[in-house]
Amino acid sequence: MLTDGEYRVYMVNFPGDIKGAMREDADGFISVYINDWLSPKAKKAAFLHEIRHAERNDLHNSLDIREAEAS
């Protein structure tokens, strides 16, 4: 489980229907990007979705992006 000190959240203006994204730097620090155009409820859902990806280690497993999004 991630703690507050292991990630940062950034509000950004994504194009199209992208709700959120995440990336990990070389030190293992997670950056979560949430679309600022979303409603507060949708922002929370997008944040939780991205954190689940981080907790499941989706950046380092063998799942295709479509598989990771479906699970």
Protein backbone atom coordinates (compact mmCIF):
# COMPACT_ATOMS: atom_id res chain seq x y z
CA MET A 1 0.00 0.00 0.00
CA LEU A 2 1.31 3.43 -0.92
CA THR A 3 1.64 6.12 1.69
CA ASP A 4 1.30 9.86 1.12
CA GLY A 5 5.07 10.32 0.93
CA GLU A 6 5.45 7.87 -1.95
CA TYR A 7 3.50 9.79 -4.58
CA ARG A 8 2.51 13.25 -5.76
CA VAL A 9 -0.70 14.26 -7.47
CA TYR A 10 -0.79 16.79 -10.28
CA MET A 11 -3.88 18.34 -11.81
CA VAL A 12 -3.42 18.69 -15.56
CA ASN A 13 -5.55 19.43 -18.61
CA PHE A 14 -5.50 16.21 -20.60
CA PRO A 15 -6.84 16.19 -24.14
CA GLY A 16 -9.85 14.08 -25.07
CA ASP A 17 -11.33 11.67 -22.58
CA ILE A 18 -8.16 10.84 -20.60
CA LYS A 19 -9.09 10.86 -16.92
CA GLY A 20 -5.74 10.10 -15.36
CA ALA A 21 -2.29 8.61 -15.73
CA MET A 22 0.68 7.71 -13.60
CA ARG A 23 4.39 7.24 -13.99
CA GLU A 24 7.26 6.11 -11.84
CA ASP A 25 10.66 7.77 -11.80
CA ALA A 26 14.02 5.98 -11.53
CA ASP A 27 13.84 6.13 -7.72
CA GLY A 28 10.43 4.44 -7.61
CA PHE A 29 8.54 7.65 -6.80
CA ILE A 30 5.03 7.73 -8.29
CA SER A 31 3.51 10.78 -9.98
CA VAL A 32 -0.26 10.67 -10.50
CA TYR A 33 -1.80 12.99 -13.08
CA ILE A 34 -5.53 13.74 -12.90
CA ASN A 35 -7.55 15.61 -15.51
CA ASP A 36 -8.49 18.95 -13.97
CA TRP A 37 -11.63 19.17 -16.13
CA LEU A 38 -13.27 16.30 -14.21
CA SER A 39 -15.88 16.77 -11.51
CA PRO A 40 -14.66 16.34 -7.92
CA LYS A 41 -16.26 12.88 -7.78
CA ALA A 42 -14.64 11.83 -11.06
CA LYS A 43 -11.26 13.20 -9.92
CA LYS A 44 -11.42 11.02 -6.81
CA ALA A 45 -12.36 7.96 -8.88
CA ALA A 46 -9.51 8.63 -11.33
CA PHE A 47 -7.05 9.06 -8.46
CA LEU A 48 -8.09 5.77 -6.84
CA HIS A 49 -7.89 4.03 -10.23
CA GLU A 50 -4.32 5.23 -10.80
CA ILE A 51 -3.23 4.33 -7.25
CA ARG A 52 -4.57 0.79 -7.81
CA HIS A 53 -2.30 0.54 -10.87
CA ALA A 54 0.66 1.58 -8.73
CA GLU A 55 -0.20 -0.82 -5.91
CA ARG A 56 -0.58 -3.71 -8.39
CA ASN A 57 2.79 -2.78 -9.91
CA ASP A 58 1.22 -2.52 -13.36
CA LEU A 59 4.23 -0.62 -14.71
CA HIS A 60 6.43 -3.65 -14.10
CA ASN A 61 4.23 -6.64 -14.85
CA SER A 62 3.63 -8.40 -18.13
CA LEU A 63 0.07 -7.17 -18.62
CA ASP A 64 -0.82 -5.38 -21.81
CA ILE A 65 -2.34 -1.93 -21.16
CA ARG A 66 -5.77 -3.23 -22.14
CA GLU A 67 -5.44 -6.08 -19.63
CA ALA A 68 -4.28 -3.73 -16.88
CA GLU A 69 -7.21 -1.39 -17.51
CA ALA A 70 -9.70 -4.27 -17.54
CA SER A 71 -8.59 -5.72 -14.23
